[in-house]
């Protein structure tokens, strides 16, 4: 299923379908004390469908212990967007092949 095959009248249903069909789910965890509701929902769907999860985390953020146990690869965002993109690509490819390590 591709995104254009999903009915556009229900954005939440569309998001669930996209997450269900994904090979890997990439989430961002930004600054602030709480994980955003959208990130929490996406994480829950990814776990429910047993999807590998890559989390992109802002520097200095303390990821809650239980959340870190759900994530397959944690990538810490630095000042170099090219390195970040390479780390994300490497993690996604490794997870698709069944092997991945943390990037920092």
C-alpha atoms as a PDB file:
ATOM      1  CA  UNK A   1       0.000   0.000   0.000  1.00  0.00           C
ATOM      2  CA  UNK A   2       1.266   3.451  -0.837  1.00  0.00           C
ATOM      3  CA  UNK A   3       0.110   6.728   0.647  1.00  0.00           C
ATOM      4  CA  UNK A   4      -1.969   7.634  -2.402  1.00  0.00           C
ATOM      5  CA  UNK A   5      -4.041   4.433  -1.987  1.00  0.00           C
ATOM      6  CA  UNK A   6      -5.292   5.502   1.435  1.00  0.00           C
ATOM      7  CA  UNK A   7      -8.542   7.476   1.715  1.00  0.00           C
ATOM      8  CA  UNK A   8      -7.737  11.090   2.625  1.00  0.00           C
ATOM      9  CA  UNK A   9     -10.961  11.687   4.580  1.00  0.00           C
ATOM     10  CA  UNK A  10      -9.530  10.339   7.845  1.00  0.00           C
ATOM     11  CA  UNK A  11      -5.994  11.606   8.627  1.00  0.00           C
ATOM     12  CA  UNK A  12      -5.632   9.382  11.703  1.00  0.00           C
ATOM     13  CA  UNK A  13      -6.600   6.287   9.724  1.00  0.00           C
ATOM     14  CA  UNK A  14      -4.176   7.370   7.006  1.00  0.00           C
ATOM     15  CA  UNK A  15      -1.356   7.730   9.539  1.00  0.00           C
ATOM     16  CA  UNK A  16      -2.091   4.307  11.051  1.00  0.00           C
ATOM     17  CA  UNK A  17      -2.039   2.726   7.578  1.00  0.00           C
ATOM     18  CA  UNK A  18       1.269   4.415   6.731  1.00  0.00           C
ATOM     19  CA  UNK A  19       2.840   3.271  10.000  1.00  0.00           C
ATOM     20  CA  UNK A  20       1.496  -0.257   9.508  1.00  0.00           C
ATOM     21  CA  UNK A  21       3.034  -0.475   6.031  1.00  0.00           C
ATOM     22  CA  UNK A  22       6.374   1.087   7.047  1.00  0.00           C
ATOM     23  CA  UNK A  23       9.535  -1.001   7.229  1.00  0.00           C
ATOM     24  CA  UNK A  24      11.004   1.302   9.895  1.00  0.00           C
ATOM     25  CA  UNK A  25       9.458   4.120  11.953  1.00  0.00           C
ATOM     26  CA  UNK A  26      11.577   7.241  12.553  1.00  0.00           C
ATOM     27  CA  UNK A  27      10.536   9.494  15.452  1.00  0.00           C
ATOM     28  CA  UNK A  28      11.913  12.761  16.795  1.00  0.00           C
ATOM     29  CA  UNK A  29      12.248  13.520  20.483  1.00  0.00           C
ATOM     30  CA  UNK A  30      12.842  17.219  21.000  1.00  0.00           C
ATOM     31  CA  UNK A  31      13.409  19.553  23.867  1.00  0.00           C
ATOM     32  CA  UNK A  32      10.873  19.885  26.619  1.00  0.00           C
ATOM     33  CA  UNK A  33       9.899  17.745  29.558  1.00  0.00           C
ATOM     34  CA  UNK A  34       7.328  15.615  27.761  1.00  0.00           C
ATOM     35  CA  UNK A  35       7.215  13.488  24.637  1.00  0.00           C
ATOM     36  CA  UNK A  36       4.679  15.075  22.287  1.00  0.00           C
ATOM     37  CA  UNK A  37       1.258  13.405  21.933  1.00  0.00           C
ATOM     38  CA  UNK A  38       1.927  12.795  18.226  1.00  0.00           C
ATOM     39  CA  UNK A  39       5.248  11.090  18.974  1.00  0.00           C
ATOM     40  CA  UNK A  40       3.657   9.008  21.742  1.00  0.00           C
ATOM     41  CA  UNK A  41       0.875   7.878  19.398  1.00  0.00           C
ATOM     42  CA  UNK A  42       3.316   7.021  16.610  1.00  0.00           C
ATOM     43  CA  UNK A  43       5.491   5.120  19.075  1.00  0.00           C
ATOM     44  CA  UNK A  44       2.489   3.146  20.318  1.00  0.00           C
ATOM     45  CA  UNK A  45       1.435   2.219  16.790  1.00  0.00           C
ATOM     46  CA  UNK A  46       5.014   1.237  15.897  1.00  0.00           C
ATOM     47  CA  UNK A  47       5.201  -1.021  18.959  1.00  0.00           C
ATOM     48  CA  UNK A  48       1.755  -2.495  18.266  1.00  0.00           C
ATOM     49  CA  UNK A  49       2.815  -3.422  14.729  1.00  0.00           C
ATOM     50  CA  UNK A  50       6.276  -4.599  15.897  1.00  0.00           C
ATOM     51  CA  UNK A  51       8.119  -2.084  13.711  1.00  0.00           C
ATOM     52  CA  UNK A  52      11.791  -1.226  14.191  1.00  0.00           C
ATOM     53  CA  UNK A  53      12.091   2.274  15.659  1.00  0.00           C
ATOM     54  CA  UNK A  54      14.753   4.945  15.108  1.00  0.00           C
ATOM     55  CA  UNK A  55      14.598   7.898  17.499  1.00  0.00           C
ATOM     56  CA  UNK A  56      16.279  11.186  16.638  1.00  0.00           C
ATOM     57  CA  UNK A  57      16.985  12.948  19.916  1.00  0.00           C
ATOM     58  CA  UNK A  58      18.030  16.552  20.500  1.00  0.00           C
ATOM     59  CA  UNK A  59      21.365  16.914  22.321  1.00  0.00           C
ATOM     60  CA  UNK A  60      20.960  17.160  26.075  1.00  0.00           C
ATOM     61  CA  UNK A  61      17.576  15.428  26.182  1.00  0.00           C
ATOM     62  CA  UNK A  62      17.199  12.666  28.759  1.00  0.00           C
ATOM     63  CA  UNK A  63      15.121   9.943  27.165  1.00  0.00           C
ATOM     64  CA  UNK A  64      12.902   8.141  29.706  1.00  0.00           C
ATOM     65  CA  UNK A  65      14.212   4.632  30.469  1.00  0.00           C
ATOM     66  CA  UNK A  66      11.099   2.789  29.311  1.00  0.00           C
ATOM     67  CA  UNK A  67      11.041   4.765  26.077  1.00  0.00           C
ATOM     68  CA  UNK A  68      14.705   4.020  25.395  1.00  0.00           C
ATOM     69  CA  UNK A  69      13.974   0.292  25.761  1.00  0.00           C
ATOM     70  CA  UNK A  70      11.413   0.478  22.944  1.00  0.00           C
ATOM     71  CA  UNK A  71      13.764   2.181  20.495  1.00  0.00           C
ATOM     72  CA  UNK A  72      16.034   0.066  18.289  1.00  0.00           C
ATOM     73  CA  UNK A  73      18.437   2.887  17.382  1.00  0.00           C
ATOM     74  CA  UNK A  74      18.900   6.226  19.143  1.00  0.00           C
ATOM     75  CA  UNK A  75      20.560   8.966  17.072  1.00  0.00           C
ATOM     76  CA  UNK A  76      21.594  12.159  18.828  1.00  0.00           C
ATOM     77  CA  UNK A  77      21.137  15.257  16.702  1.00  0.00           C
ATOM     78  CA  UNK A  78      24.290  17.359  16.508  1.00  0.00           C
ATOM     79  CA  UNK A  79      25.266  20.493  14.619  1.00  0.00           C
ATOM     80  CA  UNK A  80      25.997  18.696  11.350  1.00  0.00           C
ATOM     81  CA  UNK A  81      22.837  17.998   9.303  1.00  0.00           C
ATOM     82  CA  UNK A  82      24.784  15.936   6.755  1.00  0.00           C
ATOM     83  CA  UNK A  83      26.101  13.615   9.469  1.00  0.00           C
ATOM     84  CA  UNK A  84      22.574  13.349  10.887  1.00  0.00           C
ATOM     85  CA  UNK A  85      21.154  12.389   7.487  1.00  0.00           C
ATOM     86  CA  UNK A  86      23.910   9.799   7.011  1.00  0.00           C
ATOM     87  CA  UNK A  87      23.254   8.346  10.477  1.00  0.00           C
ATOM     88  CA  UNK A  88      19.528   8.079   9.801  1.00  0.00           C
ATOM     89  CA  UNK A  89      20.113   6.445   6.426  1.00  0.00           C
ATOM     90  CA  UNK A  90      22.623   3.997   7.902  1.00  0.00           C
ATOM     91  CA  UNK A  91      20.297   3.068  10.779  1.00  0.00           C
ATOM     92  CA  UNK A  92      17.266   2.556   8.540  1.00  0.00           C
ATOM     93  CA  UNK A  93      19.229   0.410   6.090  1.00  0.00           C
ATOM     94  CA  UNK A  94      20.732  -1.647   8.930  1.00  0.00           C
ATOM     95  CA  UNK A  95      17.310  -2.203  10.509  1.00  0.00           C
ATOM     96  CA  UNK A  96      15.883  -3.266   7.168  1.00  0.00           C
ATOM     97  CA  UNK A  97      18.723  -5.793   6.944  1.00  0.00           C
ATOM     98  CA  UNK A  98      18.259  -6.822  10.582  1.00  0.00           C
ATOM     99  CA  UNK A  99      21.323  -5.273  12.208  1.00  0.00           C
ATOM    100  CA  UNK A 100      21.765  -1.836  13.720  1.00  0.00           C
ATOM    101  CA  UNK A 101      23.794   0.021  16.347  1.00  0.00           C
ATOM    102  CA  UNK A 102      23.386   3.297  18.205  1.00  0.00           C
ATOM    103  CA  UNK A 103      24.725   6.419  16.495  1.00  0.00           C
ATOM    104  CA  UNK A 104      25.843   9.534  18.269  1.00  0.00           C
END
